N, C-alpha and C. Protein backbone atom coordinates (compact mmCIF):
# COMPACT_ATOMS: atom_id res chain seq x y z
N LYS A 1 49.59 0.02 47.38
CA LYS A 1 48.27 0.94 47.62
C LYS A 1 47.68 0.61 48.83
N ILE A 2 47.25 1.68 49.33
CA ILE A 2 46.46 1.52 50.72
C ILE A 2 45.01 1.37 50.44
N GLN A 3 44.38 0.45 51.01
CA GLN A 3 42.94 0.13 50.79
C GLN A 3 42.22 1.28 51.62
N LYS A 4 41.18 1.93 51.00
CA LYS A 4 40.44 2.98 51.62
C LYS A 4 39.13 2.18 52.40
N SER A 5 38.81 2.82 53.52
CA SER A 5 37.68 2.14 54.26
C SER A 5 36.41 2.49 53.42
N LYS A 6 35.37 1.74 53.81
CA LYS A 6 34.02 1.97 53.12
C LYS A 6 33.51 3.46 53.42
N ALA A 7 33.61 3.89 54.51
CA ALA A 7 33.22 5.34 54.83
C ALA A 7 34.05 6.24 53.95
N ALA A 8 35.38 6.04 53.77
CA ALA A 8 36.21 6.89 53.07
C ALA A 8 35.72 7.03 51.52
N LYS A 9 35.58 5.66 51.13
CA LYS A 9 35.02 5.61 49.69
C LYS A 9 33.67 6.47 49.53
N LEU A 10 32.79 6.19 50.46
CA LEU A 10 31.41 6.87 50.38
C LEU A 10 31.67 8.36 50.43
N LEU A 11 32.56 8.87 51.24
CA LEU A 11 32.69 10.33 51.27
C LEU A 11 33.36 10.82 50.08
N ALA A 12 34.24 10.08 49.47
CA ALA A 12 34.84 10.47 48.16
C ALA A 12 33.83 10.53 46.94
N ALA A 13 32.95 9.59 47.06
CA ALA A 13 31.79 9.43 45.98
C ALA A 13 30.93 10.63 46.09
N GLN A 14 30.70 10.96 47.36
CA GLN A 14 29.60 12.14 47.54
C GLN A 14 30.34 13.38 47.17
N SER A 15 31.60 13.61 47.45
CA SER A 15 32.24 14.96 47.17
C SER A 15 32.43 15.17 45.69
N SER A 16 32.62 13.99 44.93
CA SER A 16 32.88 14.09 43.57
C SER A 16 31.45 14.43 42.81
N SER A 17 30.47 13.90 43.37
CA SER A 17 29.18 14.14 42.68
C SER A 17 28.60 15.54 42.95
N LYS A 18 29.03 16.21 44.08
CA LYS A 18 28.73 17.61 44.31
C LYS A 18 29.41 18.41 43.31
N SER A 19 30.60 18.09 43.02
CA SER A 19 31.25 19.08 41.96
C SER A 19 30.70 18.97 40.65
N LYS A 20 30.08 17.88 40.28
CA LYS A 20 29.48 17.77 38.94
C LYS A 20 28.29 18.74 38.84
N GLY A 21 27.52 19.04 39.84
CA GLY A 21 26.33 19.80 39.83
C GLY A 21 25.13 18.94 40.20
N LYS A 22 23.90 19.52 39.86
CA LYS A 22 22.72 18.88 39.99
C LYS A 22 22.53 17.65 39.12
N LYS A 23 21.67 16.74 39.54
CA LYS A 23 21.37 15.58 38.66
C LYS A 23 20.50 16.08 37.57
N LYS A 24 20.71 15.51 36.34
CA LYS A 24 19.93 15.94 35.17
C LYS A 24 18.61 15.35 35.29
N LYS A 25 17.59 16.22 34.99
CA LYS A 25 16.19 15.59 35.05
C LYS A 25 15.67 15.51 33.56
N TRP A 26 14.85 14.46 33.32
CA TRP A 26 14.27 14.32 32.08
C TRP A 26 13.25 15.35 31.71
N SER A 27 13.14 15.77 30.62
CA SER A 27 12.09 16.78 30.23
C SER A 27 10.74 16.02 29.96
N LYS A 28 9.80 16.60 30.26
CA LYS A 28 8.39 15.87 30.11
C LYS A 28 7.96 16.04 28.55
N GLY A 29 8.72 16.75 27.84
CA GLY A 29 8.23 16.83 26.46
C GLY A 29 7.13 17.86 26.27
N LYS A 30 6.67 18.09 25.07
CA LYS A 30 5.67 19.07 24.79
C LYS A 30 4.34 18.46 25.14
N LEU A 31 3.58 19.03 25.99
CA LEU A 31 2.26 18.42 26.31
C LEU A 31 1.16 19.00 25.33
N ARG A 32 0.37 18.26 24.79
CA ARG A 32 -0.66 18.80 23.89
C ARG A 32 -1.95 19.18 24.74
N GLU A 33 -2.61 20.05 24.18
CA GLU A 33 -3.77 20.41 24.89
C GLU A 33 -5.06 19.35 24.85
N LYS A 34 -5.47 19.12 25.89
CA LYS A 34 -6.55 18.15 25.89
C LYS A 34 -7.79 18.66 25.25
N LYS A 35 -8.43 17.95 24.22
CA LYS A 35 -9.59 18.24 23.52
C LYS A 35 -10.76 17.79 24.21
N ASN A 36 -11.73 18.59 24.36
CA ASN A 36 -12.98 18.27 25.03
C ASN A 36 -14.11 18.05 24.06
N ASN A 37 -13.93 16.98 23.22
CA ASN A 37 -14.98 16.68 22.15
C ASN A 37 -16.19 16.07 22.76
N ARG A 38 -17.32 16.14 21.94
CA ARG A 38 -18.56 15.55 22.47
C ARG A 38 -18.51 14.05 22.25
N VAL A 39 -19.21 13.23 23.13
CA VAL A 39 -19.19 11.72 23.02
C VAL A 39 -20.48 11.29 22.77
N VAL A 40 -21.61 12.23 22.60
CA VAL A 40 -22.86 11.88 22.28
C VAL A 40 -23.43 12.99 21.38
N PHE A 41 -24.34 12.53 20.39
CA PHE A 41 -24.87 13.46 19.49
C PHE A 41 -26.12 14.20 20.25
N THR A 42 -26.27 15.49 20.09
CA THR A 42 -27.50 16.17 20.56
C THR A 42 -28.39 16.11 19.27
N LYS A 43 -29.72 16.51 19.46
CA LYS A 43 -30.58 16.47 18.29
C LYS A 43 -30.14 17.37 17.26
N ASP A 44 -29.81 18.56 17.82
CA ASP A 44 -29.53 19.69 16.85
C ASP A 44 -28.16 19.35 16.10
N LEU A 45 -27.19 18.86 16.91
CA LEU A 45 -25.96 18.40 16.30
C LEU A 45 -26.00 17.36 15.24
N TYR A 46 -26.96 16.32 15.64
CA TYR A 46 -27.16 15.28 14.68
C TYR A 46 -27.90 15.72 13.33
N GLN A 47 -28.74 16.58 13.45
CA GLN A 47 -29.42 17.05 12.22
C GLN A 47 -28.54 17.84 11.37
N LYS A 48 -27.68 18.72 12.01
CA LYS A 48 -26.57 19.50 11.43
C LYS A 48 -25.63 18.49 10.71
N PHE A 49 -25.23 17.50 11.32
CA PHE A 49 -24.27 16.57 10.90
C PHE A 49 -24.94 15.91 9.56
N LEU A 50 -26.09 15.40 9.72
CA LEU A 50 -26.70 14.84 8.54
C LEU A 50 -26.89 15.63 7.27
N VAL A 51 -27.12 16.93 7.48
CA VAL A 51 -27.23 17.80 6.40
C VAL A 51 -25.88 18.40 5.84
N ASP A 52 -25.12 18.77 6.78
CA ASP A 52 -23.83 19.49 6.41
C ASP A 52 -22.72 18.57 5.91
N VAL A 53 -22.69 17.40 6.28
CA VAL A 53 -21.52 16.56 5.91
C VAL A 53 -21.58 16.26 4.30
N PRO A 54 -22.72 15.88 3.73
CA PRO A 54 -22.70 15.67 2.29
C PRO A 54 -22.71 16.92 1.62
N LYS A 55 -23.27 18.08 2.17
CA LYS A 55 -23.38 19.26 1.41
C LYS A 55 -21.98 20.04 1.39
N LYS A 56 -21.35 20.13 2.48
CA LYS A 56 -20.09 21.00 2.65
C LYS A 56 -18.76 20.29 2.32
N LEU A 57 -18.64 19.02 2.76
CA LEU A 57 -17.36 18.35 2.67
C LEU A 57 -17.28 17.57 1.35
N LYS A 58 -16.23 17.65 0.73
CA LYS A 58 -15.97 16.80 -0.56
C LYS A 58 -15.18 15.59 -0.12
N VAL A 59 -14.18 15.71 0.75
CA VAL A 59 -13.55 14.59 1.23
C VAL A 59 -13.85 14.32 2.65
N ILE A 60 -14.50 13.19 2.95
CA ILE A 60 -14.99 12.83 4.22
C ILE A 60 -14.12 11.81 4.90
N THR A 61 -13.42 12.21 6.02
CA THR A 61 -12.64 11.19 6.70
C THR A 61 -13.09 11.50 8.12
N ILE A 62 -12.68 10.42 8.98
CA ILE A 62 -13.02 10.54 10.40
C ILE A 62 -12.56 11.79 11.16
N TYR A 63 -11.22 12.05 10.69
CA TYR A 63 -10.55 13.20 11.29
C TYR A 63 -11.28 14.49 10.95
N ASN A 64 -11.69 14.69 9.70
CA ASN A 64 -12.28 15.86 9.20
C ASN A 64 -13.52 16.03 10.10
N LEU A 65 -14.36 14.97 10.21
CA LEU A 65 -15.58 15.12 11.09
C LEU A 65 -15.28 15.51 12.42
N VAL A 66 -14.19 14.96 13.09
CA VAL A 66 -13.77 15.34 14.39
C VAL A 66 -13.55 16.81 14.54
N GLU A 67 -12.69 17.30 13.48
CA GLU A 67 -12.23 18.67 13.52
C GLU A 67 -13.47 19.60 13.34
N ASN A 68 -14.26 19.27 12.36
CA ASN A 68 -15.45 20.21 12.02
C ASN A 68 -16.54 20.17 12.93
N PHE A 69 -16.76 19.02 13.49
CA PHE A 69 -18.13 19.03 14.48
C PHE A 69 -17.69 18.88 15.98
N LYS A 70 -16.38 18.79 16.39
CA LYS A 70 -15.97 18.67 17.58
C LYS A 70 -16.55 17.35 18.26
N ILE A 71 -16.57 16.28 17.67
CA ILE A 71 -17.03 15.13 18.28
C ILE A 71 -15.83 14.12 18.35
N ASN A 72 -16.01 13.12 19.11
CA ASN A 72 -14.87 12.01 19.19
C ASN A 72 -14.92 11.05 18.02
N CYS A 73 -13.80 10.31 17.79
CA CYS A 73 -13.76 9.43 16.64
C CYS A 73 -14.80 8.44 16.60
N SER A 74 -15.21 7.73 17.75
CA SER A 74 -16.17 6.77 17.69
C SER A 74 -17.59 7.28 17.26
N LEU A 75 -17.83 8.55 17.61
CA LEU A 75 -19.09 9.21 17.19
C LEU A 75 -19.00 9.53 15.71
N ALA A 76 -17.83 9.92 15.15
CA ALA A 76 -17.59 10.15 13.76
C ALA A 76 -17.84 8.93 12.82
N ARG A 77 -17.22 7.71 13.45
CA ARG A 77 -17.50 6.57 12.67
C ARG A 77 -18.92 6.06 12.70
N ARG A 78 -19.64 6.34 13.82
CA ARG A 78 -21.02 6.05 13.86
C ARG A 78 -21.85 6.79 12.89
N GLY A 79 -21.45 8.19 12.71
CA GLY A 79 -22.16 9.00 12.00
C GLY A 79 -21.99 8.60 10.48
N ILE A 80 -20.68 8.10 10.24
CA ILE A 80 -20.36 7.82 8.68
C ILE A 80 -21.22 6.45 8.39
N ARG A 81 -21.41 5.65 9.37
CA ARG A 81 -22.26 4.46 8.99
C ARG A 81 -23.62 4.79 8.80
N GLU A 82 -24.21 5.91 9.49
CA GLU A 82 -25.58 6.33 9.36
C GLU A 82 -25.71 6.93 7.92
N LEU A 83 -24.67 7.77 7.53
CA LEU A 83 -24.83 8.47 6.16
C LEU A 83 -24.62 7.35 5.16
N LEU A 84 -23.85 6.26 5.23
CA LEU A 84 -23.79 5.16 4.27
C LEU A 84 -25.00 4.44 4.06
N ALA A 85 -25.65 4.28 5.23
CA ALA A 85 -27.11 3.51 5.24
C ALA A 85 -28.11 4.38 4.38
N LYS A 86 -28.01 5.71 4.66
CA LYS A 86 -29.02 6.57 4.02
C LYS A 86 -28.58 6.76 2.51
N GLY A 87 -27.33 6.53 2.14
CA GLY A 87 -26.89 6.59 0.76
C GLY A 87 -26.39 8.01 0.38
N THR A 88 -26.20 8.96 1.39
CA THR A 88 -25.72 10.28 1.07
C THR A 88 -24.30 10.41 0.85
N ILE A 89 -23.43 9.41 1.17
CA ILE A 89 -22.11 9.27 0.92
C ILE A 89 -21.70 7.96 0.33
N THR A 90 -20.53 7.88 -0.43
CA THR A 90 -20.03 6.56 -0.96
C THR A 90 -18.65 6.47 -0.54
N PRO A 91 -18.04 5.24 -0.33
CA PRO A 91 -16.69 5.05 0.07
C PRO A 91 -15.72 5.27 -1.28
N VAL A 92 -14.70 5.85 -0.96
CA VAL A 92 -13.66 5.99 -2.18
C VAL A 92 -12.56 5.01 -1.87
N VAL A 93 -12.07 5.01 -0.63
CA VAL A 93 -11.06 3.95 -0.10
C VAL A 93 -11.65 3.36 1.13
N PRO A 94 -12.35 2.29 1.01
CA PRO A 94 -12.87 1.58 2.17
C PRO A 94 -11.77 0.80 2.87
N SER A 95 -11.48 1.25 4.17
CA SER A 95 -10.57 0.60 4.84
C SER A 95 -10.90 0.52 6.36
N GLY A 96 -10.45 -0.45 7.15
CA GLY A 96 -10.81 -0.46 8.53
C GLY A 96 -10.14 0.72 9.30
N THR A 97 -8.81 0.92 8.79
CA THR A 97 -8.03 1.82 9.65
C THR A 97 -8.13 3.37 9.02
N TYR A 98 -8.21 3.56 7.72
CA TYR A 98 -8.30 4.92 7.29
C TYR A 98 -9.20 4.86 6.08
N ALA A 99 -10.44 5.29 6.33
CA ALA A 99 -11.42 5.26 5.25
C ALA A 99 -11.79 6.61 4.61
N VAL A 100 -11.80 6.70 3.42
CA VAL A 100 -12.09 8.06 2.82
C VAL A 100 -13.45 7.85 2.05
N TYR A 101 -14.24 8.87 2.24
CA TYR A 101 -15.57 8.88 1.57
C TYR A 101 -15.88 10.24 0.90
N THR A 102 -16.74 10.29 0.01
CA THR A 102 -17.17 11.59 -0.67
C THR A 102 -18.73 11.49 -0.83
N LYS A 103 -19.11 12.74 -1.44
CA LYS A 103 -20.66 12.78 -1.68
C LYS A 103 -21.08 11.69 -2.63
N SER A 104 -22.34 11.16 -2.46
CA SER A 104 -22.72 10.15 -3.36
C SER A 104 -23.40 10.93 -4.53
N ALA A 105 -23.50 10.27 -5.77
CA ALA A 105 -24.16 10.76 -6.89
C ALA A 105 -25.54 11.32 -6.69
N LYS A 106 -26.26 10.57 -5.75
CA LYS A 106 -27.62 10.95 -5.40
C LYS A 106 -27.70 12.25 -4.60
N ALA A 107 -26.65 12.48 -3.72
CA ALA A 107 -26.53 13.75 -2.99
C ALA A 107 -26.35 14.88 -3.91
N VAL A 108 -25.35 14.64 -4.85
CA VAL A 108 -25.03 15.68 -5.75
C VAL A 108 -26.23 16.10 -6.65
N ALA A 109 -26.96 14.97 -7.12
CA ALA A 109 -28.16 15.30 -7.95
C ALA A 109 -29.30 16.18 -7.12
N ASP A 110 -29.47 15.65 -5.83
CA ASP A 110 -30.38 16.39 -5.06
C ASP A 110 -29.93 17.95 -4.85
N GLU A 111 -28.72 18.12 -4.55
CA GLU A 111 -28.20 19.47 -4.40
C GLU A 111 -28.53 20.26 -5.68
N ALA A 112 -28.11 19.67 -6.78
CA ALA A 112 -28.36 20.37 -8.15
C ALA A 112 -29.84 20.73 -8.38
N ALA A 113 -30.77 19.72 -8.02
CA ALA A 113 -32.14 20.14 -8.11
C ALA A 113 -32.65 21.12 -7.18
N ALA A 114 -32.03 21.15 -6.02
CA ALA A 114 -32.42 22.21 -4.97
C ALA A 114 -31.94 23.61 -5.46
N LYS A 115 -30.77 23.67 -6.05
CA LYS A 115 -30.24 24.94 -6.59
C LYS A 115 -31.11 25.30 -7.75
N LYS A 116 -31.35 24.41 -8.69
CA LYS A 116 -32.37 24.75 -9.81
C LYS A 116 -33.68 25.29 -9.42
N ALA A 117 -34.23 24.57 -8.42
CA ALA A 117 -35.59 25.07 -7.94
C ALA A 117 -35.45 26.42 -7.29
N GLY A 118 -34.40 26.66 -6.65
CA GLY A 118 -34.22 27.89 -5.91
C GLY A 118 -33.88 28.98 -6.87
N ALA A 119 -33.18 28.71 -7.94
CA ALA A 119 -32.90 29.75 -8.98
C ALA A 119 -34.26 29.99 -9.80
N GLU A 120 -35.17 29.11 -10.05
CA GLU A 120 -36.33 29.27 -10.89
C GLU A 120 -37.30 30.25 -10.07
N LYS A 121 -37.32 29.87 -8.61
CA LYS A 121 -38.13 30.84 -7.71
C LYS A 121 -37.60 32.18 -7.80
N GLY A 122 -36.32 32.32 -7.61
CA GLY A 122 -35.73 33.61 -7.68
C GLY A 122 -35.93 34.45 -9.00
N ALA A 123 -36.02 33.63 -10.16
CA ALA A 123 -36.24 34.30 -11.38
C ALA A 123 -37.58 34.87 -11.45
N GLU A 124 -38.55 34.02 -10.94
CA GLU A 124 -40.07 34.36 -10.98
C GLU A 124 -40.21 35.61 -10.17
N LYS A 125 -39.67 35.69 -8.96
CA LYS A 125 -39.89 36.83 -8.14
C LYS A 125 -39.31 38.10 -8.55
N GLY A 126 -38.04 37.85 -9.10
CA GLY A 126 -37.35 39.13 -9.44
C GLY A 126 -37.19 39.41 -10.89
N LYS A 127 -38.20 39.11 -11.70
CA LYS A 127 -38.16 39.43 -13.14
C LYS A 127 -38.18 41.04 -13.29
N LYS A 128 -37.20 41.44 -13.92
CA LYS A 128 -37.10 43.01 -14.17
C LYS A 128 -37.12 43.21 -15.63
N GLN A 129 -37.67 44.47 -15.87
CA GLN A 129 -37.85 44.84 -17.19
C GLN A 129 -36.36 45.30 -17.64
N PRO A 130 -36.00 44.97 -18.89
CA PRO A 130 -34.68 45.37 -19.23
C PRO A 130 -34.75 46.92 -19.43
N GLN A 131 -33.52 47.49 -18.88
CA GLN A 131 -33.43 48.96 -18.76
C GLN A 131 -33.05 49.41 -20.27
N GLN A 132 -33.61 50.56 -20.63
CA GLN A 132 -33.29 51.13 -21.93
C GLN A 132 -32.00 51.97 -21.70
N LYS A 133 -31.21 51.89 -22.73
CA LYS A 133 -29.80 52.47 -22.70
C LYS A 133 -30.05 53.95 -23.03
N LYS A 134 -29.28 54.80 -22.51
CA LYS A 134 -29.50 56.31 -22.70
C LYS A 134 -28.26 56.71 -23.68
N GLY A 135 -28.52 57.55 -24.37
CA GLY A 135 -27.39 58.28 -25.27
C GLY A 135 -27.52 57.71 -26.76
N LYS A 136 -27.07 58.51 -27.55
CA LYS A 136 -27.14 58.35 -29.01
C LYS A 136 -26.30 57.11 -29.40
N ALA A 137 -25.05 57.08 -28.86
CA ALA A 137 -24.13 56.01 -29.17
C ALA A 137 -24.61 54.59 -28.79
N LYS A 138 -25.15 54.47 -27.60
CA LYS A 138 -25.75 53.20 -27.12
C LYS A 138 -26.94 52.81 -27.89
N ALA A 139 -27.68 53.84 -28.21
CA ALA A 139 -28.87 53.56 -29.04
C ALA A 139 -28.51 52.97 -30.39
N ALA A 140 -27.54 53.49 -30.92
CA ALA A 140 -27.04 52.93 -32.19
C ALA A 140 -26.38 51.58 -32.05
N GLU A 141 -25.77 51.30 -31.05
CA GLU A 141 -25.27 49.97 -30.73
C GLU A 141 -26.37 48.85 -30.63
N THR A 142 -27.49 49.18 -29.99
CA THR A 142 -28.62 48.27 -29.88
C THR A 142 -29.34 48.11 -31.15
N GLU A 143 -29.51 49.00 -31.99
CA GLU A 143 -29.92 48.94 -33.38
C GLU A 143 -29.08 48.04 -34.17
N GLU A 144 -27.75 48.19 -34.07
CA GLU A 144 -26.84 47.27 -34.94
C GLU A 144 -27.02 45.86 -34.33
N ALA A 145 -27.13 45.67 -33.18
CA ALA A 145 -27.33 44.38 -32.42
C ALA A 145 -28.55 43.70 -32.83
N ASP A 146 -29.61 44.42 -33.05
CA ASP A 146 -30.97 43.95 -33.45
C ASP A 146 -30.96 43.49 -34.95
N GLU A 147 -30.05 44.18 -35.75
CA GLU A 147 -30.08 43.68 -37.21
C GLU A 147 -29.19 42.64 -37.40
């Protein structure tokens, strides 16, 4: 066999790579949309957070708070600590990595008391006289019910 010179080898390598086509590029994968969540509580958001979390959410996790209130995770964890200190939520699965919380019994009792008070006020305002039924058949039914 005859040895090729370095130039000849280089030329052969370049011509063979041209026939294969373009060099394959790595795909960048699917890019997620960047979320622009809050990093600090505003007064309004903080008040809404303290009221709505025990009232509306049955299962309270950091991710639920992030999704519902558009806050970042560190702010959600801090909010959970505040709610725990106030006693409005109780831990179900206390864990450093993935903690699950729910309404405390105290919060549930407060809600029930508020509903009851609201229902009593509504009943006092809107007491209506029972309407009398019209027609012979309906009058007969009421008489039978009375007996």
